[in-house]
Amino acid sequence: MTAFCDVLRTTQLPPMTVMSLAASALGAVYKEVADQHRSDTGCPCGWEPNLRADVEALQAALAAKTQATPSADLRVMQAVGRA
């Protein structure tokens, strides 16, 4: 969050532009790591990159973190109507 705010402050870029740049950077890191795992020597970790499945997993992780988690504390819930 600190790095994100620093970039916003120093560049004056819109927040979604900064988010897009961060996503591009993550994609570049994924590609570099995946390319290394596709080499002839392989990797002892056993990971075999699968672009479609890996991108879906990353998208799901992003979506899961952006969903509001319901609060179990009735004291902080907003009243919706009357009973």
PDB file of N, CA and C in Angstrom:
ATOM      1  N   MET A   1       0.831  -1.188   0.000  1.00  0.00           N
ATOM      2  CA  MET A   1       0.000   0.000   0.000  1.00  0.00           C
ATOM      3  C   MET A   1       0.871   1.245   0.000  1.00  0.00           C
ATOM      4  N   THR A   2       1.964   1.195   0.747  1.00  0.00           N
ATOM      5  CA  THR A   2       2.870   2.348   0.796  1.00  0.00           C
ATOM      6  C   THR A   2       3.457   2.627  -0.582  1.00  0.00           C
ATOM      7  N   ALA A   3       3.914   1.571  -1.265  1.00  0.00           N
ATOM      8  CA  ALA A   3       4.488   1.754  -2.601  1.00  0.00           C
ATOM      9  C   ALA A   3       3.442   2.299  -3.567  1.00  0.00           C
ATOM     10  N   PHE A   4       2.229   1.765  -3.486  1.00  0.00           N
ATOM     11  CA  PHE A   4       1.144   2.227  -4.351  1.00  0.00           C
ATOM     12  C   PHE A   4       0.888   3.716  -4.130  1.00  0.00           C
ATOM     13  N   CYS A   5       0.769   4.115  -2.875  1.00  0.00           N
ATOM     14  CA  CYS A   5       0.516   5.524  -2.555  1.00  0.00           C
ATOM     15  C   CYS A   5       1.688   6.411  -2.972  1.00  0.00           C
ATOM     16  N   ASP A   6       2.900   5.921  -2.816  1.00  0.00           N
ATOM     17  CA  ASP A   6       4.070   6.681  -3.247  1.00  0.00           C
ATOM     18  C   ASP A   6       4.044   6.931  -4.754  1.00  0.00           C
ATOM     19  N   VAL A   7       3.679   5.892  -5.520  1.00  0.00           N
ATOM     20  CA  VAL A   7       3.600   6.042  -6.976  1.00  0.00           C
ATOM     21  C   VAL A   7       2.501   7.028  -7.344  1.00  0.00           C
ATOM     22  N   LEU A   8       1.346   6.928  -6.688  1.00  0.00           N
ATOM     23  CA  LEU A   8       0.270   7.883  -6.958  1.00  0.00           C
ATOM     24  C   LEU A   8       0.726   9.314  -6.698  1.00  0.00           C
ATOM     25  N   ARG A   9       1.386   9.503  -5.568  1.00  0.00           N
ATOM     26  CA  ARG A   9       1.812  10.847  -5.181  1.00  0.00           C
ATOM     27  C   ARG A   9       2.891  11.397  -6.112  1.00  0.00           C
ATOM     28  N   THR A  10       3.865  10.572  -6.474  1.00  0.00           N
ATOM     29  CA  THR A  10       4.989  11.074  -7.253  1.00  0.00           C
ATOM     30  C   THR A  10       4.708  11.190  -8.743  1.00  0.00           C
ATOM     31  N   THR A  11       3.790  10.360  -9.268  1.00  0.00           N
ATOM     32  CA  THR A  11       3.532  10.385 -10.709  1.00  0.00           C
ATOM     33  C   THR A  11       2.269  11.127 -11.094  1.00  0.00           C
ATOM     34  N   GLN A  12       1.335  11.284 -10.136  1.00  0.00           N
ATOM     35  CA  GLN A  12       0.033  11.883 -10.418  1.00  0.00           C
ATOM     36  C   GLN A  12      -0.790  11.057 -11.400  1.00  0.00           C
ATOM     37  N   LEU A  13      -0.438   9.774 -11.565  1.00  0.00           N
ATOM     38  CA  LEU A  13      -1.209   8.893 -12.442  1.00  0.00           C
ATOM     39  C   LEU A  13      -2.514   8.499 -11.753  1.00  0.00           C
ATOM     40  N   PRO A  14      -3.552   8.199 -12.545  1.00  0.00           N
ATOM     41  CA  PRO A  14      -4.801   7.722 -11.948  1.00  0.00           C
ATOM     42  C   PRO A  14      -4.580   6.364 -11.273  1.00  0.00           C
ATOM     43  N   PRO A  15      -5.337   6.073 -10.220  1.00  0.00           N
ATOM     44  CA  PRO A  15      -5.170   4.801  -9.510  1.00  0.00           C
ATOM     45  C   PRO A  15      -5.265   3.567 -10.413  1.00  0.00           C
ATOM     46  N   MET A  16      -6.211   3.530 -11.353  1.00  0.00           N
ATOM     47  CA  MET A  16      -6.345   2.346 -12.207  1.00  0.00           C
ATOM     48  C   MET A  16      -5.161   2.207 -13.156  1.00  0.00           C
ATOM     49  N   THR A  17      -4.532   3.292 -13.527  1.00  0.00           N
ATOM     50  CA  THR A  17      -3.323   3.209 -14.346  1.00  0.00           C
ATOM     51  C   THR A  17      -2.202   2.565 -13.552  1.00  0.00           C
ATOM     52  N   VAL A  18      -2.072   2.962 -12.295  1.00  0.00           N
ATOM     53  CA  VAL A  18      -1.051   2.370 -11.426  1.00  0.00           C
ATOM     54  C   VAL A  18      -1.349   0.888 -11.212  1.00  0.00           C
ATOM     55  N   MET A  19      -2.621   0.541 -10.999  1.00  0.00           N
ATOM     56  CA  MET A  19      -2.996  -0.866 -10.844  1.00  0.00           C
ATOM     57  C   MET A  19      -2.659  -1.657 -12.112  1.00  0.00           C
ATOM     58  N   SER A  20      -2.923  -1.072 -13.268  1.00  0.00           N
ATOM     59  CA  SER A  20      -2.625  -1.729 -14.533  1.00  0.00           C
ATOM     60  C   SER A  20      -1.121  -1.958 -14.692  1.00  0.00           C
ATOM     61  N   LEU A  21      -0.339  -0.975 -14.300  1.00  0.00           N
ATOM     62  CA  LEU A  21       1.116  -1.131 -14.356  1.00  0.00           C
ATOM     63  C   LEU A  21       1.590  -2.232 -13.411  1.00  0.00           C
ATOM     64  N   ALA A  22       0.984  -2.312 -12.247  1.00  0.00           N
ATOM     65  CA  ALA A  22       1.335  -3.374 -11.297  1.00  0.00           C
ATOM     66  C   ALA A  22       0.973  -4.741 -11.880  1.00  0.00           C
ATOM     67  N   ALA A  23      -0.183  -4.839 -12.521  1.00  0.00           N
ATOM     68  CA  ALA A  23      -0.596  -6.099 -13.139  1.00  0.00           C
ATOM     69  C   ALA A  23       0.362  -6.484 -14.271  1.00  0.00           C
ATOM     70  N   SER A  24       0.796  -5.498 -15.046  1.00  0.00           N
ATOM     71  CA  SER A  24       1.762  -5.760 -16.119  1.00  0.00           C
ATOM     72  C   SER A  24       3.078  -6.271 -15.557  1.00  0.00           C
ATOM     73  N   ALA A  25       3.502  -5.678 -14.453  1.00  0.00           N
ATOM     74  CA  ALA A  25       4.741  -6.126 -13.811  1.00  0.00           C
ATOM     75  C   ALA A  25       4.600  -7.561 -13.314  1.00  0.00           C
ATOM     76  N   LEU A  26       3.461  -7.892 -12.717  1.00  0.00           N
ATOM     77  CA  LEU A  26       3.232  -9.256 -12.248  1.00  0.00           C
ATOM     78  C   LEU A  26       3.213 -10.224 -13.422  1.00  0.00           C
ATOM     79  N   GLY A  27       2.602  -9.830 -14.524  1.00  0.00           N
ATOM     80  CA  GLY A  27       2.593 -10.671 -15.724  1.00  0.00           C
ATOM     81  C   GLY A  27       3.991 -10.903 -16.260  1.00  0.00           C
ATOM     82  N   ALA A  28       4.827  -9.869 -16.227  1.00  0.00           N
ATOM     83  CA  ALA A  28       6.212 -10.013 -16.694  1.00  0.00           C
ATOM     84  C   ALA A  28       6.995 -10.963 -15.793  1.00  0.00           C
ATOM     85  N   VAL A  29       6.770 -10.875 -14.486  1.00  0.00           N
ATOM     86  CA  VAL A  29       7.434 -11.789 -13.548  1.00  0.00           C
ATOM     87  C   VAL A  29       6.969 -13.218 -13.808  1.00  0.00           C
ATOM     88  N   TYR A  30       5.657 -13.403 -13.981  1.00  0.00           N
ATOM     89  CA  TYR A  30       5.128 -14.742 -14.282  1.00  0.00           C
ATOM     90  C   TYR A  30       5.795 -15.301 -15.527  1.00  0.00           C
ATOM     91  N   LYS A  31       5.861 -14.508 -16.591  1.00  0.00           N
ATOM     92  CA  LYS A  31       6.437 -14.990 -17.848  1.00  0.00           C
ATOM     93  C   LYS A  31       7.893 -15.385 -17.674  1.00  0.00           C
ATOM     94  N   GLU A  32       8.646 -14.582 -16.964  1.00  0.00           N
ATOM     95  CA  GLU A  32      10.066 -14.878 -16.756  1.00  0.00           C
ATOM     96  C   GLU A  32      10.248 -16.178 -15.962  1.00  0.00           C
ATOM     97  N   VAL A  33       9.468 -16.339 -14.898  1.00  0.00           N
ATOM     98  CA  VAL A  33       9.564 -17.562 -14.084  1.00  0.00           C
ATOM     99  C   VAL A  33       9.091 -18.766 -14.888  1.00  0.00           C
ATOM    100  N   ALA A  34       7.985 -18.622 -15.617  1.00  0.00           N
ATOM    101  CA  ALA A  34       7.466 -19.721 -16.425  1.00  0.00           C
ATOM    102  C   ALA A  34       8.468 -20.131 -17.501  1.00  0.00           C
ATOM    103  N   ASP A  35       9.099 -19.148 -18.145  1.00  0.00           N
ATOM    104  CA  ASP A  35      10.104 -19.460 -19.170  1.00  0.00           C
ATOM    105  C   ASP A  35      11.259 -20.263 -18.585  1.00  0.00           C
ATOM    106  N   GLN A  36      11.685 -19.929 -17.396  1.00  0.00           N
ATOM    107  CA  GLN A  36      12.766 -20.676 -16.746  1.00  0.00           C
ATOM    108  C   GLN A  36      12.345 -22.102 -16.435  1.00  0.00           C
ATOM    109  N   HIS A  37      11.074 -22.309 -16.123  1.00  0.00           N
ATOM    110  CA  HIS A  37      10.586 -23.645 -15.802  1.00  0.00           C
ATOM    111  C   HIS A  37      10.348 -24.485 -17.056  1.00  0.00           C
ATOM    112  N   ARG A  38      10.345 -23.854 -18.207  1.00  0.00           N
ATOM    113  CA  ARG A  38      10.163 -24.577 -19.464  1.00  0.00           C
ATOM    114  C   ARG A  38      11.498 -24.969 -20.092  1.00  0.00           C
ATOM    115  N   SER A  39      12.601 -24.597 -19.477  1.00  0.00           N
ATOM    116  CA  SER A  39      13.918 -24.889 -20.050  1.00  0.00           C
ATOM    117  C   SER A  39      14.186 -26.393 -20.033  1.00  0.00           C
ATOM    118  N   ASP A  40      15.192 -26.806 -20.784  1.00  0.00           N
ATOM    119  CA  ASP A  40      15.542 -28.223 -20.885  1.00  0.00           C
ATOM    120  C   ASP A  40      15.958 -28.809 -19.542  1.00  0.00           C
ATOM    121  N   THR A  41      16.576 -28.000 -18.702  1.00  0.00           N
ATOM    122  CA  THR A  41      17.043 -28.505 -17.411  1.00  0.00           C
ATOM    123  C   THR A  41      15.905 -28.633 -16.411  1.00  0.00           C
ATOM    124  N   GLY A  42      14.781 -27.957 -16.662  1.00  0.00           N
ATOM    125  CA  GLY A  42      13.636 -28.035 -15.759  1.00  0.00           C
ATOM    126  C   GLY A  42      13.943 -27.428 -14.402  1.00  0.00           C
ATOM    127  N   CYS A  43      13.119 -27.755 -13.459  1.00  0.00           N
ATOM    128  CA  CYS A  43      13.285 -27.232 -12.105  1.00  0.00           C
ATOM    129  C   CYS A  43      12.909 -28.337 -11.124  1.00  0.00           C
ATOM    130  N   PRO A  44      13.674 -28.482 -10.061  1.00  0.00           N
ATOM    131  CA  PRO A  44      13.351 -29.542  -9.105  1.00  0.00           C
ATOM    132  C   PRO A  44      12.038 -29.324  -8.352  1.00  0.00           C
ATOM    133  N   CYS A  45      11.437 -28.131  -8.443  1.00  0.00           N
ATOM    134  CA  CYS A  45      10.188 -27.890  -7.721  1.00  0.00           C
ATOM    135  C   CYS A  45       9.018 -28.631  -8.348  1.00  0.00           C
ATOM    136  N   GLY A  46       9.132 -28.994  -9.625  1.00  0.00           N
ATOM    137  CA  GLY A  46       8.090 -29.763 -10.289  1.00  0.00           C
ATOM    138  C   GLY A  46       6.977 -28.954 -10.923  1.00  0.00           C
ATOM    139  N   TRP A  47       7.025 -27.624 -10.815  1.00  0.00           N
ATOM    140  CA  TRP A  47       5.956 -26.813 -11.408  1.00  0.00           C
ATOM    141  C   TRP A  47       6.046 -26.861 -12.921  1.00  0.00           C
ATOM    142  N   GLU A  48       4.918 -27.100 -13.559  1.00  0.00           N
ATOM    143  CA  GLU A  48       4.832 -27.050 -15.007  1.00  0.00           C
ATOM    144  C   GLU A  48       3.843 -25.948 -15.363  1.00  0.00           C
ATOM    145  N   PRO A  49       4.347 -24.826 -15.881  1.00  0.00           N
ATOM    146  CA  PRO A  49       3.473 -23.684 -16.179  1.00  0.00           C
ATOM    147  C   PRO A  49       2.351 -24.049 -17.133  1.00  0.00           C
ATOM    148  N   ASN A  50       1.163 -23.535 -16.828  1.00  0.00           N
ATOM    149  CA  ASN A  50      -0.009 -23.702 -17.669  1.00  0.00           C
ATOM    150  C   ASN A  50      -0.671 -22.320 -17.712  1.00  0.00           C
ATOM    151  N   LEU A  51      -0.418 -21.590 -18.767  1.00  0.00           N
ATOM    152  CA  LEU A  51      -0.847 -20.192 -18.846  1.00  0.00           C
ATOM    153  C   LEU A  51      -2.323 -20.018 -18.501  1.00  0.00           C
ATOM    154  N   ARG A  52      -3.186 -20.781 -19.135  1.00  0.00           N
ATOM    155  CA  ARG A  52      -4.626 -20.601 -18.904  1.00  0.00           C
ATOM    156  C   ARG A  52      -4.986 -20.860 -17.437  1.00  0.00           C
ATOM    157  N   ALA A  53      -4.565 -21.998 -16.898  1.00  0.00           N
ATOM    158  CA  ALA A  53      -4.900 -22.340 -15.515  1.00  0.00           C
ATOM    159  C   ALA A  53      -4.239 -21.386 -14.526  1.00  0.00           C
ATOM    160  N   ASP A  54      -3.012 -21.001 -14.809  1.00  0.00           N
ATOM    161  CA  ASP A  54      -2.302 -20.107 -13.886  1.00  0.00           C
ATOM    162  C   ASP A  54      -2.931 -18.718 -13.854  1.00  0.00           C
ATOM    163  N   VAL A  55      -3.317 -18.197 -15.025  1.00  0.00           N
ATOM    164  CA  VAL A  55      -3.967 -16.884 -15.074  1.00  0.00           C
ATOM    165  C   VAL A  55      -5.323 -16.951 -14.382  1.00  0.00           C
ATOM    166  N   GLU A  56      -6.061 -18.047 -14.588  1.00  0.00           N
ATOM    167  CA  GLU A  56      -7.348 -18.209 -13.899  1.00  0.00           C
ATOM    168  C   GLU A  56      -7.160 -18.235 -12.385  1.00  0.00           C
ATOM    169  N   ALA A  57      -6.111 -18.910 -11.919  1.00  0.00           N
ATOM    170  CA  ALA A  57      -5.836 -18.962 -10.479  1.00  0.00           C
ATOM    171  C   ALA A  57      -5.482 -17.574  -9.943  1.00  0.00           C
ATOM    172  N   LEU A  58      -4.697 -16.818 -10.691  1.00  0.00           N
ATOM    173  CA  LEU A  58      -4.348 -15.463 -10.260  1.00  0.00           C
ATOM    174  C   LEU A  58      -5.575 -14.554 -10.263  1.00  0.00           C
ATOM    175  N   GLN A  59      -6.427 -14.684 -11.274  1.00  0.00           N
ATOM    176  CA  GLN A  59      -7.658 -13.898 -11.320  1.00  0.00           C
ATOM    177  C   GLN A  59      -8.570 -14.245 -10.149  1.00  0.00           C
ATOM    178  N   ALA A  60      -8.677 -15.519  -9.838  1.00  0.00           N
ATOM    179  CA  ALA A  60      -9.525 -15.940  -8.719  1.00  0.00           C
ATOM    180  C   ALA A  60      -8.986 -15.400  -7.399  1.00  0.00           C
ATOM    181  N   ALA A  61      -7.675 -15.403  -7.243  1.00  0.00           N
ATOM    182  CA  ALA A  61      -7.078 -14.873  -6.020  1.00  0.00           C
ATOM    183  C   ALA A  61      -7.348 -13.379  -5.899  1.00  0.00           C
ATOM    184  N   LEU A  62      -7.246 -12.661  -7.014  1.00  0.00           N
ATOM    185  CA  LEU A  62      -7.541 -11.225  -7.006  1.00  0.00           C
ATOM    186  C   LEU A  62      -9.005 -10.984  -6.673  1.00  0.00           C
ATOM    187  N   ALA A  63      -9.890 -11.726  -7.319  1.00  0.00           N
ATOM    188  CA  ALA A  63     -11.324 -11.562  -7.069  1.00  0.00           C
ATOM    189  C   ALA A  63     -11.673 -11.879  -5.621  1.00  0.00           C
ATOM    190  N   ALA A  64     -11.056 -12.918  -5.072  1.00  0.00           N
ATOM    191  CA  ALA A  64     -11.359 -13.296  -3.690  1.00  0.00           C
ATOM    192  C   ALA A  64     -10.961 -12.196  -2.706  1.00  0.00           C
ATOM    193  N   LYS A  65      -9.885 -11.514  -2.990  1.00  0.00           N
ATOM    194  CA  LYS A  65      -9.427 -10.463  -2.078  1.00  0.00           C
ATOM    195  C   LYS A  65     -10.202  -9.161  -2.240  1.00  0.00           C
ATOM    196  N   THR A  66     -10.946  -9.025  -3.325  1.00  0.00           N
ATOM    197  CA  THR A  66     -11.708  -7.786  -3.525  1.00  0.00           C
ATOM    198  C   THR A  66     -13.142  -7.896  -3.039  1.00  0.00           C
ATOM    199  N   GLN A  67     -13.563  -9.108  -2.676  1.00  0.00           N
ATOM    200  CA  GLN A  67     -14.924  -9.309  -2.182  1.00  0.00           C
ATOM    201  C   GLN A  67     -15.012  -8.887  -0.721  1.00  0.00           C
ATOM    202  N   ALA A  68     -16.094  -8.222  -0.378  1.00  0.00           N
ATOM    203  CA  ALA A  68     -16.315  -7.836   1.011  1.00  0.00           C
ATOM    204  C   ALA A  68     -16.624  -9.083   1.822  1.00  0.00           C
ATOM    205  N   THR A  69     -16.006  -9.192   2.958  1.00  0.00           N
ATOM    206  CA  THR A  69     -16.296 -10.325   3.827  1.00  0.00           C
ATOM    207  C   THR A  69     -17.385  -9.913   4.800  1.00  0.00           C
ATOM    208  N   PRO A  70     -18.427 -10.733   4.915  1.00  0.00           N
ATOM    209  CA  PRO A  70     -19.526 -10.370   5.811  1.00  0.00           C
ATOM    210  C   PRO A  70     -19.051 -10.327   7.263  1.00  0.00           C
ATOM    211  N   SER A  71     -19.540  -9.346   7.965  1.00  0.00           N
ATOM    212  CA  SER A  71     -19.182  -9.202   9.365  1.00  0.00           C
ATOM    213  C   SER A  71     -20.131 -10.027  10.220  1.00  0.00           C
ATOM    214  N   ALA A  72     -19.581 -10.658  11.233  1.00  0.00           N
ATOM    215  CA  ALA A  72     -20.404 -11.435  12.149  1.00  0.00           C
ATOM    216  C   ALA A  72     -20.830 -10.595  13.344  1.00  0.00           C
ATOM    217  N   ASP A  73     -20.385  -9.361  13.396  1.00  0.00           N
ATOM    218  CA  ASP A  73     -20.678  -8.483  14.526  1.00  0.00           C
ATOM    219  C   ASP A  73     -21.885  -7.612  14.182  1.00  0.00           C
ATOM    220  N   LEU A  74     -23.021  -7.886  14.788  1.00  0.00           N
ATOM    221  CA  LEU A  74     -24.244  -7.145  14.505  1.00  0.00           C
ATOM    222  C   LEU A  74     -24.134  -5.665  14.860  1.00  0.00           C
ATOM    223  N   ARG A  75     -23.227  -5.319  15.764  1.00  0.00           N
ATOM    224  CA  ARG A  75     -23.084  -3.920  16.172  1.00  0.00           C
ATOM    225  C   ARG A  75     -22.532  -3.031  15.060  1.00  0.00           C
ATOM    226  N   VAL A  76     -21.808  -3.614  14.093  1.00  0.00           N
ATOM    227  CA  VAL A  76     -21.219  -2.804  13.023  1.00  0.00           C
ATOM    228  C   VAL A  76     -21.985  -2.910  11.718  1.00  0.00           C
ATOM    229  N   MET A  77     -23.045  -3.711  11.685  1.00  0.00           N
ATOM    230  CA  MET A  77     -23.851  -3.859  10.475  1.00  0.00           C
ATOM    231  C   MET A  77     -24.791  -2.673  10.314  1.00  0.00           C
ATOM    232  N   GLN A  78     -24.972  -2.272   9.056  1.00  0.00           N
ATOM    233  CA  GLN A  78     -25.888  -1.182   8.762  1.00  0.00           C
ATOM    234  C   GLN A  78     -27.309  -1.744   8.676  1.00  0.00           C
ATOM    235  N   ALA A  79     -28.240  -1.057   9.312  1.00  0.00           N
ATOM    236  CA  ALA A  79     -29.643  -1.483   9.261  1.00  0.00           C
ATOM    237  C   ALA A  79     -30.184  -1.264   7.848  1.00  0.00           C
ATOM    238  N   VAL A  80     -30.891  -2.259   7.331  1.00  0.00           N
ATOM    239  CA  VAL A  80     -31.421  -2.180   5.981  1.00  0.00           C
ATOM    240  C   VAL A  80     -32.870  -1.745   5.977  1.00  0.00           C
ATOM    241  N   GLY A  81     -33.595  -2.062   6.977  1.00  0.00           N
ATOM    242  CA  GLY A  81     -35.011  -1.719   7.034  1.00  0.00           C
ATOM    243  C   GLY A  81     -35.517  -1.838   8.465  1.00  0.00           C
ATOM    244  N   ARG A  82     -36.844  -1.996   8.578  1.00  0.00           N
ATOM    245  CA  ARG A  82     -37.466  -2.134   9.879  1.00  0.00           C
ATOM    246  C   ARG A  82     -38.201  -3.462   9.971  1.00  0.00           C
ATOM    247  N   ALA A  83     -38.278  -3.965  11.170  1.00  0.00           N
ATOM    248  CA  ALA A  83     -39.030  -5.214  11.375  1.00  0.00           C
ATOM    249  C   ALA A  83     -40.231  -4.922  12.240  1.00  0.00           C
TER     250      ALA A  83
END
